[in-house]
Amino acid sequence: MPKSDSPVPDLSVPFAGLTLQSPIVLLSGCVGFGEEYTRVEGFSNKDVGAVILKGTTLEPRMGNAPHRVYETPSGMLNAIGLQNPGTRYVIDNILPNLPHSETQFWANANGTSLEEYAEIAAIFDDSPVTAIEINISCPNVKEGGVHFGNDPVMAGKVVEAMRPMTKKPLITKLSPNNADIAETARHCIEAGTDGLSVINTLVGMAVDIESRKPIIGNISGGLSGPAIKPVALWKIHQTRAVAAKHNIPILGQGGITSGKDAIEFAITGSDAIGVGTGLFYDPLLCGKILEELRDYLSKHNMESYQELVGTLQS
């Protein structure tokens, strides 16, 4: 048992050359462009290591036709289609109004060509974001997206195109729909990624039995939430060996809704933990997760979150 005078466990974490004040990262698409969650009374930026902004393309996008969101058992389907106002608008009109002194903000870059990815990286390089997440695995857009993420060589080429365009850390978001996620991770690491985001949503669909039509206007969408947690843990486990070999951190995500979930992800190899869909039904989830983490670390005589990472026993 921990001594009564034991220090409070340190929950700050190093990640891709950055220092996060908390292992919790709010995931892209779940908190808008960083301003939406601040409206919730009781939410604290101090609970969050970083906020990943909504997926951004070079030019504005209207997104997919409705329906774009549908609740499923223990999860959610979404096919927003990367609706956003474009990279320049985000930098000129959104980033200046965010509380950069309270937490970090990361961009989420999306493109339909290597050239577009590279240009977005160059534009965000001259901005207050502290890192750029590369979305090569979005399952609900018809151009780019899964095409890049499911091909290890193409995934590496996206990173390769962006790497010389920015000095900021690049964090590549990997697809669970990939036949060999470890091989994709290897290509991205060799191309110069500084971190890995594991995993993006799974591809799924839902059917209206009366009309006999797909409920999602895009037919398919990305499945997130607790339903995908076992898949996420397995994919992190598969990715951990190659990532650890090259000292590349993993942002683990997929169905985290409690401190217990976060602890499982840490043990499996998540250097930081992403929270997304869980925020829709509990906007104050982050503080609760951190409290459970502290209690667990103290109970097991650990002084920091880092001591827990990658401690899975065979």
C-alpha atoms as a PDB file:
ATOM      1  CA  MET A   1       0.000   0.000   0.000  1.00  0.00           C
ATOM      2  CA  PRO A   2       1.231   3.547  -0.722  1.00  0.00           C
ATOM      3  CA  LYS A   3       2.470   5.638   2.175  1.00  0.00           C
ATOM      4  CA  SER A   4       0.190   8.429   3.316  1.00  0.00           C
ATOM      5  CA  ASP A   5       2.887  10.976   2.515  1.00  0.00           C
ATOM      6  CA  SER A   6       3.494   9.623  -1.005  1.00  0.00           C
ATOM      7  CA  PRO A   7       3.788  12.370  -3.638  1.00  0.00           C
ATOM      8  CA  VAL A   8       0.976  12.888  -6.102  1.00  0.00           C
ATOM      9  CA  PRO A   9       1.833  10.899  -9.256  1.00  0.00           C
ATOM     10  CA  ASP A  10       3.175  12.961 -12.146  1.00  0.00           C
ATOM     11  CA  LEU A  11       0.751  12.840 -15.068  1.00  0.00           C
ATOM     12  CA  SER A  12       2.792  14.979 -17.453  1.00  0.00           C
ATOM     13  CA  VAL A  13       4.189  13.060 -20.412  1.00  0.00           C
ATOM     14  CA  PRO A  14       6.815  13.575 -23.117  1.00  0.00           C
ATOM     15  CA  PHE A  15       5.414  13.048 -26.590  1.00  0.00           C
ATOM     16  CA  ALA A  16       7.180  13.527 -29.931  1.00  0.00           C
ATOM     17  CA  GLY A  17       9.502  16.175 -28.542  1.00  0.00           C
ATOM     18  CA  LEU A  18       6.725  17.961 -26.667  1.00  0.00           C
ATOM     19  CA  THR A  19       5.804  17.918 -22.990  1.00  0.00           C
ATOM     20  CA  LEU A  20       2.098  17.424 -22.326  1.00  0.00           C
ATOM     21  CA  GLN A  21       0.709  18.515 -18.966  1.00  0.00           C
ATOM     22  CA  SER A  22      -1.603  15.474 -19.017  1.00  0.00           C
ATOM     23  CA  PRO A  23      -1.665  12.209 -20.990  1.00  0.00           C
ATOM     24  CA  ILE A  24      -5.169  13.049 -22.232  1.00  0.00           C
ATOM     25  CA  VAL A  25      -5.514  14.344 -25.790  1.00  0.00           C
ATOM     26  CA  LEU A  26      -8.906  15.430 -27.123  1.00  0.00           C
ATOM     27  CA  LEU A  27      -9.404  13.827 -30.512  1.00  0.00           C
ATOM     28  CA  SER A  28     -10.040  15.494 -33.838  1.00  0.00           C
ATOM     29  CA  GLY A  29     -13.678  15.872 -34.808  1.00  0.00           C
ATOM     30  CA  CYS A  30     -14.987  15.585 -31.263  1.00  0.00           C
ATOM     31  CA  VAL A  31     -14.381  19.131 -29.997  1.00  0.00           C
ATOM     32  CA  GLY A  32     -14.800  21.204 -33.149  1.00  0.00           C
ATOM     33  CA  PHE A  33     -11.964  23.665 -33.608  1.00  0.00           C
ATOM     34  CA  GLY A  34     -11.120  23.773 -29.926  1.00  0.00           C
ATOM     35  CA  GLU A  35     -13.654  26.344 -28.828  1.00  0.00           C
ATOM     36  CA  GLU A  36     -16.748  24.169 -28.403  1.00  0.00           C
ATOM     37  CA  TYR A  37     -15.776  22.268 -25.254  1.00  0.00           C
ATOM     38  CA  THR A  38     -14.884  25.484 -23.387  1.00  0.00           C
ATOM     39  CA  ARG A  39     -18.603  26.288 -23.153  1.00  0.00           C
ATOM     40  CA  VAL A  40     -19.157  23.404 -20.726  1.00  0.00           C
ATOM     41  CA  GLU A  41     -19.189  24.592 -17.125  1.00  0.00           C
ATOM     42  CA  GLY A  42     -16.608  22.730 -15.095  1.00  0.00           C
ATOM     43  CA  PHE A  43     -14.332  21.775 -17.973  1.00  0.00           C
ATOM     44  CA  SER A  44     -10.679  22.613 -17.368  1.00  0.00           C
ATOM     45  CA  ASN A  45      -7.969  22.977 -20.001  1.00  0.00           C
ATOM     46  CA  LYS A  46      -5.512  21.926 -17.291  1.00  0.00           C
ATOM     47  CA  ASP A  47      -6.888  18.383 -17.553  1.00  0.00           C
ATOM     48  CA  VAL A  48      -5.851  18.182 -21.199  1.00  0.00           C
ATOM     49  CA  GLY A  49      -2.393  17.689 -22.678  1.00  0.00           C
ATOM     50  CA  ALA A  50      -3.462  18.712 -26.169  1.00  0.00           C
ATOM     51  CA  VAL A  51      -6.516  19.352 -28.306  1.00  0.00           C
ATOM     52  CA  ILE A  52      -6.517  18.123 -31.900  1.00  0.00           C
ATOM     53  CA  LEU A  53      -8.486  20.476 -34.115  1.00  0.00           C
ATOM     54  CA  LYS A  54     -11.135  19.323 -36.545  1.00  0.00           C
ATOM     55  CA  GLY A  55      -9.824  17.778 -39.741  1.00  0.00           C
ATOM     56  CA  THR A  56      -8.674  20.521 -42.092  1.00  0.00           C
ATOM     57  CA  THR A  57      -8.196  20.521 -45.850  1.00  0.00           C
ATOM     58  CA  LEU A  58      -6.457  23.089 -48.030  1.00  0.00           C
ATOM     59  CA  GLU A  59      -9.716  24.480 -49.407  1.00  0.00           C
ATOM     60  CA  PRO A  60     -13.113  24.680 -47.638  1.00  0.00           C
ATOM     61  CA  ARG A  61     -15.296  21.560 -47.719  1.00  0.00           C
ATOM     62  CA  MET A  62     -19.047  21.251 -47.209  1.00  0.00           C
ATOM     63  CA  GLY A  63     -18.839  17.624 -46.098  1.00  0.00           C
ATOM     64  CA  ASN A  64     -21.188  14.749 -46.857  1.00  0.00           C
ATOM     65  CA  ALA A  65     -24.942  14.772 -47.311  1.00  0.00           C
ATOM     66  CA  PRO A  66     -27.044  13.794 -44.252  1.00  0.00           C
ATOM     67  CA  HIS A  67     -27.587  11.649 -42.313  1.00  0.00           C
ATOM     68  CA  ARG A  68     -24.052  12.026 -41.060  1.00  0.00           C
ATOM     69  CA  VAL A  69     -24.227  10.685 -37.487  1.00  0.00           C
ATOM     70  CA  TYR A  70     -26.005   7.615 -36.127  1.00  0.00           C
ATOM     71  CA  GLU A  71     -25.869   6.011 -32.691  1.00  0.00           C
ATOM     72  CA  THR A  72     -25.116   2.282 -32.623  1.00  0.00           C
ATOM     73  CA  PRO A  73     -24.873  -0.191 -29.729  1.00  0.00           C
ATOM     74  CA  SER A  74     -21.924   1.006 -27.617  1.00  0.00           C
ATOM     75  CA  GLY A  75     -20.781   3.300 -30.373  1.00  0.00           C
ATOM     76  CA  MET A  76     -21.417   5.884 -33.049  1.00  0.00           C
ATOM     77  CA  LEU A  77     -21.217   6.013 -36.832  1.00  0.00           C
ATOM     78  CA  ASN A  78     -20.172   9.288 -38.381  1.00  0.00           C
ATOM     79  CA  ALA A  79     -19.651  10.402 -41.966  1.00  0.00           C
ATOM     80  CA  ILE A  80     -19.179  14.139 -41.620  1.00  0.00           C
ATOM     81  CA  GLY A  81     -16.887  14.194 -44.634  1.00  0.00           C
ATOM     82  CA  LEU A  82     -14.312  16.673 -43.299  1.00  0.00           C
ATOM     83  CA  GLN A  83     -16.543  19.727 -43.354  1.00  0.00           C
ATOM     84  CA  ASN A  84     -14.208  22.646 -42.603  1.00  0.00           C
ATOM     85  CA  PRO A  85     -13.490  26.242 -43.667  1.00  0.00           C
ATOM     86  CA  GLY A  86     -10.017  25.570 -45.076  1.00  0.00           C
ATOM     87  CA  THR A  87      -6.488  25.870 -43.715  1.00  0.00           C
ATOM     88  CA  ARG A  88      -6.021  29.620 -44.167  1.00  0.00           C
ATOM     89  CA  TYR A  89      -9.312  30.428 -42.432  1.00  0.00           C
ATOM     90  CA  VAL A  90      -8.412  28.218 -39.467  1.00  0.00           C
ATOM     91  CA  ILE A  91      -5.050  29.946 -39.045  1.00  0.00           C
ATOM     92  CA  ASP A  92      -6.321  33.503 -39.559  1.00  0.00           C
ATOM     93  CA  ASN A  93      -9.671  33.349 -37.742  1.00  0.00           C
ATOM     94  CA  ILE A  94      -9.741  30.425 -35.314  1.00  0.00           C
ATOM     95  CA  LEU A  95      -6.258  29.860 -33.907  1.00  0.00           C
ATOM     96  CA  PRO A  96      -5.858  33.471 -32.623  1.00  0.00           C
ATOM     97  CA  ASN A  97      -8.861  33.009 -30.339  1.00  0.00           C
ATOM     98  CA  LEU A  98      -7.790  29.754 -28.678  1.00  0.00           C
ATOM     99  CA  PRO A  99      -6.256  29.613 -25.154  1.00  0.00           C
ATOM    100  CA  HIS A 100      -2.741  28.555 -26.161  1.00  0.00           C
ATOM    101  CA  SER A 101      -1.367  29.420 -22.720  1.00  0.00           C
ATOM    102  CA  GLU A 102      -3.647  26.812 -21.116  1.00  0.00           C
ATOM    103  CA  THR A 103      -3.043  23.769 -23.327  1.00  0.00           C
ATOM    104  CA  GLN A 104      -1.593  22.764 -26.677  1.00  0.00           C
ATOM    105  CA  PHE A 105      -3.455  22.658 -29.963  1.00  0.00           C
ATOM    106  CA  TRP A 106      -2.555  20.322 -32.827  1.00  0.00           C
ATOM    107  CA  ALA A 107      -3.701  20.572 -36.421  1.00  0.00           C
ATOM    108  CA  ASN A 108      -5.260  17.612 -38.235  1.00  0.00           C
ATOM    109  CA  ALA A 109      -4.205  17.636 -41.892  1.00  0.00           C
ATOM    110  CA  ASN A 110      -6.199  15.951 -44.658  1.00  0.00           C
ATOM    111  CA  GLY A 111      -5.479  15.875 -48.367  1.00  0.00           C
ATOM    112  CA  THR A 112      -6.422  14.244 -51.641  1.00  0.00           C
ATOM    113  CA  SER A 113      -2.879  14.305 -53.026  1.00  0.00           C
ATOM    114  CA  LEU A 114       0.695  14.317 -51.765  1.00  0.00           C
ATOM    115  CA  GLU A 115       1.019  17.907 -52.922  1.00  0.00           C
ATOM    116  CA  GLU A 116      -1.981  19.019 -50.870  1.00  0.00           C
ATOM    117  CA  TYR A 117      -0.675  17.332 -47.727  1.00  0.00           C
ATOM    118  CA  ALA A 118       2.692  19.027 -48.239  1.00  0.00           C
ATOM    119  CA  GLU A 119       1.156  22.458 -48.739  1.00  0.00           C
ATOM    120  CA  ILE A 120      -0.986  22.148 -45.616  1.00  0.00           C
ATOM    121  CA  ALA A 121       2.112  21.209 -43.604  1.00  0.00           C
ATOM    122  CA  ALA A 122       3.946  24.271 -44.898  1.00  0.00           C
ATOM    123  CA  ILE A 123       1.055  26.583 -44.019  1.00  0.00           C
ATOM    124  CA  PHE A 124       0.586  25.181 -40.502  1.00  0.00           C
ATOM    125  CA  ASP A 125       4.341  25.383 -39.909  1.00  0.00           C
ATOM    126  CA  ASP A 126       3.908  29.134 -39.524  1.00  0.00           C
ATOM    127  CA  SER A 127       1.141  28.948 -36.906  1.00  0.00           C
ATOM    128  CA  PRO A 128       0.705  28.473 -33.137  1.00  0.00           C
ATOM    129  CA  VAL A 129      -0.159  24.744 -33.375  1.00  0.00           C
ATOM    130  CA  THR A 130       2.522  22.666 -31.650  1.00  0.00           C
ATOM    131  CA  ALA A 131       2.104  19.530 -33.798  1.00  0.00           C
ATOM    132  CA  ILE A 132       0.363  18.257 -36.918  1.00  0.00           C
ATOM    133  CA  GLU A 133      -1.608  15.023 -36.961  1.00  0.00           C
ATOM    134  CA  ILE A 134      -1.665  13.453 -40.437  1.00  0.00           C
ATOM    135  CA  ASN A 135      -5.024  11.905 -41.241  1.00  0.00           C
ATOM    136  CA  ILE A 136      -4.311   9.248 -43.853  1.00  0.00           C
ATOM    137  CA  SER A 137      -7.110   6.964 -42.698  1.00  0.00           C
ATOM    138  CA  CYS A 138     -10.433   8.840 -42.731  1.00  0.00           C
ATOM    139  CA  PRO A 139     -13.044   6.228 -43.732  1.00  0.00           C
ATOM    140  CA  ASN A 140     -15.811   8.591 -44.801  1.00  0.00           C
ATOM    141  CA  VAL A 141     -14.344  10.627 -47.652  1.00  0.00           C
ATOM    142  CA  LYS A 142     -14.195   9.438 -51.230  1.00  0.00           C
ATOM    143  CA  GLU A 143     -10.835  11.009 -52.121  1.00  0.00           C
ATOM    144  CA  GLY A 144      -7.617  10.306 -50.259  1.00  0.00           C
ATOM    145  CA  GLY A 145      -8.435   9.020 -46.807  1.00  0.00           C
ATOM    146  CA  VAL A 146      -8.452   5.246 -46.679  1.00  0.00           C
ATOM    147  CA  HIS A 147      -6.669   5.032 -50.032  1.00  0.00           C
ATOM    148  CA  PHE A 148      -3.505   6.363 -48.398  1.00  0.00           C
ATOM    149  CA  GLY A 149      -3.970   4.716 -45.007  1.00  0.00           C
ATOM    150  CA  ASN A 150      -4.490   1.155 -46.244  1.00  0.00           C
ATOM    151  CA  ASP A 151      -1.366   1.130 -48.407  1.00  0.00           C
ATOM    152  CA  PRO A 152       1.836   1.086 -46.302  1.00  0.00           C
ATOM    153  CA  VAL A 153       3.959   2.526 -49.120  1.00  0.00           C
ATOM    154  CA  MET A 154       1.508   5.361 -49.846  1.00  0.00           C
ATOM    155  CA  ALA A 155       1.192   6.113 -46.143  1.00  0.00           C
ATOM    156  CA  GLY A 156       4.941   6.546 -45.979  1.00  0.00           C
ATOM    157  CA  LYS A 157       4.899   8.777 -49.050  1.00  0.00           C
ATOM    158  CA  VAL A 158       2.428  11.158 -47.354  1.00  0.00           C
ATOM    159  CA  VAL A 159       4.774  11.534 -44.387  1.00  0.00           C
ATOM    160  CA  GLU A 160       7.723  11.884 -46.765  1.00  0.00           C
ATOM    161  CA  ALA A 161       5.965  14.716 -48.622  1.00  0.00           C
ATOM    162  CA  MET A 162       5.153  16.611 -45.414  1.00  0.00           C
ATOM    163  CA  ARG A 163       8.398  16.094 -43.512  1.00  0.00           C
ATOM    164  CA  PRO A 164      10.553  18.736 -45.245  1.00  0.00           C
ATOM    165  CA  MET A 165       7.724  21.267 -45.111  1.00  0.00           C
ATOM    166  CA  THR A 166       7.570  21.677 -41.342  1.00  0.00           C
ATOM    167  CA  LYS A 167       9.729  21.567 -38.226  1.00  0.00           C
ATOM    168  CA  LYS A 168       6.708  20.715 -36.081  1.00  0.00           C
ATOM    169  CA  PRO A 169       6.200  17.133 -34.878  1.00  0.00           C
ATOM    170  CA  LEU A 170       4.222  14.966 -37.311  1.00  0.00           C
ATOM    171  CA  ILE A 171       1.886  12.358 -35.819  1.00  0.00           C
ATOM    172  CA  THR A 172       0.471   9.854 -38.311  1.00  0.00           C
ATOM    173  CA  LYS A 173      -3.019   8.494 -37.688  1.00  0.00           C
ATOM    174  CA  LEU A 174      -3.219   4.819 -38.624  1.00  0.00           C
ATOM    175  CA  SER A 175      -6.215   2.887 -39.900  1.00  0.00           C
ATOM    176  CA  PRO A 176      -7.512  -0.240 -38.116  1.00  0.00           C
ATOM    177  CA  ASN A 177      -8.841  -1.407 -41.482  1.00  0.00           C
ATOM    178  CA  ASN A 178      -5.249  -1.999 -42.585  1.00  0.00           C
ATOM    179  CA  ALA A 179      -4.205  -5.607 -43.125  1.00  0.00           C
ATOM    180  CA  ASP A 180      -0.790  -4.998 -41.522  1.00  0.00           C
ATOM    181  CA  ILE A 181      -0.791  -1.952 -39.269  1.00  0.00           C
ATOM    182  CA  ALA A 182       2.746  -2.626 -38.022  1.00  0.00           C
ATOM    183  CA  GLU A 183       4.077  -2.526 -41.575  1.00  0.00           C
ATOM    184  CA  THR A 184       2.320   0.777 -42.196  1.00  0.00           C
ATOM    185  CA  ALA A 185       3.785   2.116 -38.965  1.00  0.00           C
ATOM    186  CA  ARG A 186       7.259   1.072 -40.102  1.00  0.00           C
ATOM    187  CA  HIS A 187       6.938   2.902 -43.425  1.00  0.00           C
ATOM    188  CA  CYS A 188       5.703   6.051 -41.680  1.00  0.00           C
ATOM    189  CA  ILE A 189       8.524   5.931 -39.124  1.00  0.00           C
ATOM    190  CA  GLU A 190      11.144   5.489 -41.833  1.00  0.00           C
ATOM    191  CA  ALA A 191       9.615   8.451 -43.699  1.00  0.00           C
ATOM    192  CA  GLY A 192      10.042  10.692 -40.667  1.00  0.00           C
ATOM    193  CA  THR A 193       6.914  10.642 -38.517  1.00  0.00           C
ATOM    194  CA  ASP A 194       7.499  11.688 -34.889  1.00  0.00           C
ATOM    195  CA  GLY A 195       4.522   9.842 -33.429  1.00  0.00           C
ATOM    196  CA  LEU A 196       1.679   7.461 -34.228  1.00  0.00           C
ATOM    197  CA  SER A 197      -2.019   7.915 -33.537  1.00  0.00           C
ATOM    198  CA  VAL A 198      -3.610   4.464 -33.131  1.00  0.00           C
ATOM    199  CA  ILE A 199      -6.411   3.914 -34.188  1.00  0.00           C
ATOM    200  CA  ASN A 200      -8.798   5.792 -36.438  1.00  0.00           C
ATOM    201  CA  THR A 201     -12.396   4.612 -36.700  1.00  0.00           C
ATOM    202  CA  LEU A 202     -13.475   1.322 -38.245  1.00  0.00           C
ATOM    203  CA  VAL A 203     -15.640   1.281 -41.379  1.00  0.00           C
ATOM    204  CA  GLY A 204     -19.291   0.412 -40.703  1.00  0.00           C
ATOM    205  CA  MET A 205     -22.849   0.988 -41.849  1.00  0.00           C
ATOM    206  CA  ALA A 206     -26.450   0.890 -40.600  1.00  0.00           C
ATOM    207  CA  VAL A 207     -29.685   0.032 -42.437  1.00  0.00           C
ATOM    208  CA  ASP A 208     -33.236   1.380 -42.119  1.00  0.00           C
ATOM    209  CA  ILE A 209     -35.389  -1.751 -42.292  1.00  0.00           C
ATOM    210  CA  GLU A 210     -38.517   0.148 -43.406  1.00  0.00           C
ATOM    211  CA  SER A 211     -36.988   1.976 -46.361  1.00  0.00           C
ATOM    212  CA  ARG A 212     -34.336  -0.746 -46.835  1.00  0.00           C
ATOM    213  CA  LYS A 213     -31.768   1.974 -47.396  1.00  0.00           C
ATOM    214  CA  PRO A 214     -28.519   2.867 -45.646  1.00  0.00           C
ATOM    215  CA  ILE A 215     -29.121   5.310 -42.803  1.00  0.00           C
ATOM    216  CA  ILE A 216     -25.858   7.164 -43.413  1.00  0.00           C
ATOM    217  CA  GLY A 217     -26.018   9.353 -46.506  1.00  0.00           C
ATOM    218  CA  ASN A 218     -22.484   8.305 -47.399  1.00  0.00           C
ATOM    219  CA  ILE A 219     -23.613   4.643 -47.008  1.00  0.00           C
ATOM    220  CA  SER A 220     -20.639   3.874 -44.765  1.00  0.00           C
ATOM    221  CA  GLY A 221     -19.161   5.803 -41.878  1.00  0.00           C
ATOM    222  CA  GLY A 222     -16.536   5.608 -39.183  1.00  0.00           C
ATOM    223  CA  LEU A 223     -17.440   3.536 -36.123  1.00  0.00           C
ATOM    224  CA  SER A 224     -16.120   4.863 -32.809  1.00  0.00           C
ATOM    225  CA  GLY A 225     -16.902   4.415 -29.128  1.00  0.00           C
ATOM    226  CA  PRO A 226     -16.603   1.525 -26.636  1.00  0.00           C
ATOM    227  CA  ALA A 227     -17.528  -1.019 -29.319  1.00  0.00           C
ATOM    228  CA  ILE A 228     -14.084  -0.644 -30.924  1.00  0.00           C
ATOM    229  CA  LYS A 229     -11.987  -0.707 -27.735  1.00  0.00           C
ATOM    230  CA  PRO A 230     -10.836  -4.360 -28.051  1.00  0.00           C
ATOM    231  CA  VAL A 231      -9.751  -3.714 -31.646  1.00  0.00           C
ATOM    232  CA  ALA A 232      -7.865  -0.582 -30.610  1.00  0.00           C
ATOM    233  CA  LEU A 233      -5.981  -2.392 -27.858  1.00  0.00           C
ATOM    234  CA  TRP A 234      -4.984  -5.166 -30.264  1.00  0.00           C
ATOM    235  CA  LYS A 235      -3.779  -2.705 -32.917  1.00  0.00           C
ATOM    236  CA  ILE A 236      -1.732  -0.794 -30.335  1.00  0.00           C
ATOM    237  CA  HIS A 237      -0.205  -4.081 -29.205  1.00  0.00           C
ATOM    238  CA  GLN A 238       0.686  -4.896 -32.821  1.00  0.00           C
ATOM    239  CA  THR A 239       2.202  -1.453 -33.358  1.00  0.00           C
ATOM    240  CA  ARG A 240       4.072  -1.169 -30.062  1.00  0.00           C
ATOM    241  CA  ALA A 241       7.103  -3.286 -30.985  1.00  0.00           C
ATOM    242  CA  VAL A 242       8.049  -1.327 -34.109  1.00  0.00           C
ATOM    243  CA  ALA A 243       7.276   2.001 -32.437  1.00  0.00           C
ATOM    244  CA  ALA A 244       9.327   1.228 -29.330  1.00  0.00           C
ATOM    245  CA  LYS A 245      12.259   0.045 -31.460  1.00  0.00           C
ATOM    246  CA  HIS A 246      12.508   3.521 -32.972  1.00  0.00           C
ATOM    247  CA  ASN A 247      11.481   5.410 -29.798  1.00  0.00           C
ATOM    248  CA  ILE A 248       8.284   6.639 -31.472  1.00  0.00           C
ATOM    249  CA  PRO A 249       5.387   7.395 -29.073  1.00  0.00           C
ATOM    250  CA  ILE A 250       1.834   6.144 -29.545  1.00  0.00           C
ATOM    251  CA  LEU A 251      -1.324   8.163 -28.952  1.00  0.00           C
ATOM    252  CA  GLY A 252      -3.715   5.307 -28.144  1.00  0.00           C
ATOM    253  CA  GLN A 253      -7.417   5.796 -28.762  1.00  0.00           C
ATOM    254  CA  GLY A 254     -10.636   3.937 -29.401  1.00  0.00           C
ATOM    255  CA  GLY A 255     -13.490   3.688 -26.919  1.00  0.00           C
ATOM    256  CA  ILE A 256     -11.899   5.213 -23.813  1.00  0.00           C
ATOM    257  CA  THR A 257     -14.690   6.223 -21.419  1.00  0.00           C
ATOM    258  CA  SER A 258     -13.173   5.642 -17.974  1.00  0.00           C
ATOM    259  CA  GLY A 259      -9.965   5.610 -15.999  1.00  0.00           C
ATOM    260  CA  LYS A 260      -9.906   1.815 -16.235  1.00  0.00           C
ATOM    261  CA  ASP A 261      -9.968   2.068 -20.024  1.00  0.00           C
ATOM    262  CA  ALA A 262      -7.115   4.576 -19.963  1.00  0.00           C
ATOM    263  CA  ILE A 263      -5.082   2.296 -17.699  1.00  0.00           C
ATOM    264  CA  GLU A 264      -5.566  -0.622 -20.120  1.00  0.00           C
ATOM    265  CA  PHE A 265      -4.353   1.541 -22.989  1.00  0.00           C
ATOM    266  CA  ALA A 266      -1.312   2.689 -21.016  1.00  0.00           C
ATOM    267  CA  ILE A 267      -0.362  -0.861 -20.063  1.00  0.00           C
ATOM    268  CA  THR A 268      -0.708  -1.939 -23.695  1.00  0.00           C
ATOM    269  CA  GLY A 269       1.646   0.804 -24.844  1.00  0.00           C
ATOM    270  CA  SER A 270      -0.087   4.174 -25.167  1.00  0.00           C
ATOM    271  CA  ASP A 271       2.297   7.009 -24.327  1.00  0.00           C
ATOM    272  CA  ALA A 272      -0.742   9.307 -24.348  1.00  0.00           C
ATOM    273  CA  ILE A 273      -4.455   8.558 -24.461  1.00  0.00           C
ATOM    274  CA  GLY A 274      -7.032   9.997 -26.826  1.00  0.00           C
ATOM    275  CA  VAL A 275     -10.565  10.763 -25.680  1.00  0.00           C
ATOM    276  CA  GLY A 276     -13.264  11.384 -28.274  1.00  0.00           C
ATOM    277  CA  THR A 277     -16.723   9.841 -28.525  1.00  0.00           C
ATOM    278  CA  GLY A 278     -16.982   9.563 -24.730  1.00  0.00           C
ATOM    279  CA  LEU A 279     -17.089  13.369 -24.521  1.00  0.00           C
ATOM    280  CA  PHE A 280     -20.463  13.426 -26.271  1.00  0.00           C
ATOM    281  CA  TYR A 281     -22.245  11.933 -23.286  1.00  0.00           C
ATOM    282  CA  ASP A 282     -19.891  13.128 -20.540  1.00  0.00           C
ATOM    283  CA  PRO A 283     -18.096  16.401 -21.328  1.00  0.00           C
ATOM    284  CA  LEU A 284     -16.388  16.280 -17.924  1.00  0.00           C
ATOM    285  CA  LEU A 285     -14.908  12.831 -18.541  1.00  0.00           C
ATOM    286  CA  CYS A 286     -11.277  13.990 -18.610  1.00  0.00           C
ATOM    287  CA  GLY A 287     -11.142  15.051 -14.968  1.00  0.00           C
ATOM    288  CA  LYS A 288     -12.677  11.737 -13.895  1.00  0.00           C
ATOM    289  CA  ILE A 289     -10.155   9.751 -15.927  1.00  0.00           C
ATOM    290  CA  LEU A 290      -7.248  11.660 -14.367  1.00  0.00           C
ATOM    291  CA  GLU A 291      -8.569  11.072 -10.855  1.00  0.00           C
ATOM    292  CA  GLU A 292      -8.813   7.325 -11.490  1.00  0.00           C
ATOM    293  CA  LEU A 293      -5.332   7.313 -13.006  1.00  0.00           C
ATOM    294  CA  ARG A 294      -3.832   9.038  -9.974  1.00  0.00           C
ATOM    295  CA  ASP A 295      -5.551   6.606  -7.602  1.00  0.00           C
ATOM    296  CA  TYR A 296      -4.298   3.600  -9.568  1.00  0.00           C
ATOM    297  CA  LEU A 297      -0.724   4.870  -9.778  1.00  0.00           C
ATOM    298  CA  SER A 298      -0.656   5.662  -6.054  1.00  0.00           C
ATOM    299  CA  LYS A 299      -2.110   2.258  -5.190  1.00  0.00           C
ATOM    300  CA  HIS A 300       0.631   0.557  -7.208  1.00  0.00           C
ATOM    301  CA  ASN A 301       3.427   2.795  -5.863  1.00  0.00           C
ATOM    302  CA  MET A 302       4.118   4.420  -9.219  1.00  0.00           C
ATOM    303  CA  GLU A 303       5.358   7.986  -9.319  1.00  0.00           C
ATOM    304  CA  SER A 304       4.296   8.805 -12.863  1.00  0.00           C
ATOM    305  CA  TYR A 305       2.079   7.824 -15.784  1.00  0.00           C
ATOM    306  CA  GLN A 306       5.225   6.957 -17.737  1.00  0.00           C
ATOM    307  CA  GLU A 307       6.016   4.106 -15.338  1.00  0.00           C
ATOM    308  CA  LEU A 308       2.797   2.394 -16.404  1.00  0.00           C
ATOM    309  CA  VAL A 309       3.278   2.645 -20.164  1.00  0.00           C
ATOM    310  CA  GLY A 310       4.091  -0.594 -21.946  1.00  0.00           C
ATOM    311  CA  THR A 311       4.062  -2.789 -18.829  1.00  0.00           C
ATOM    312  CA  LEU A 312       1.922  -5.539 -20.357  1.00  0.00           C
ATOM    313  CA  GLN A 313       3.009  -8.936 -19.070  1.00  0.00           C
ATOM    314  CA  SER A 314       3.230 -11.934 -21.404  1.00  0.00           C
END
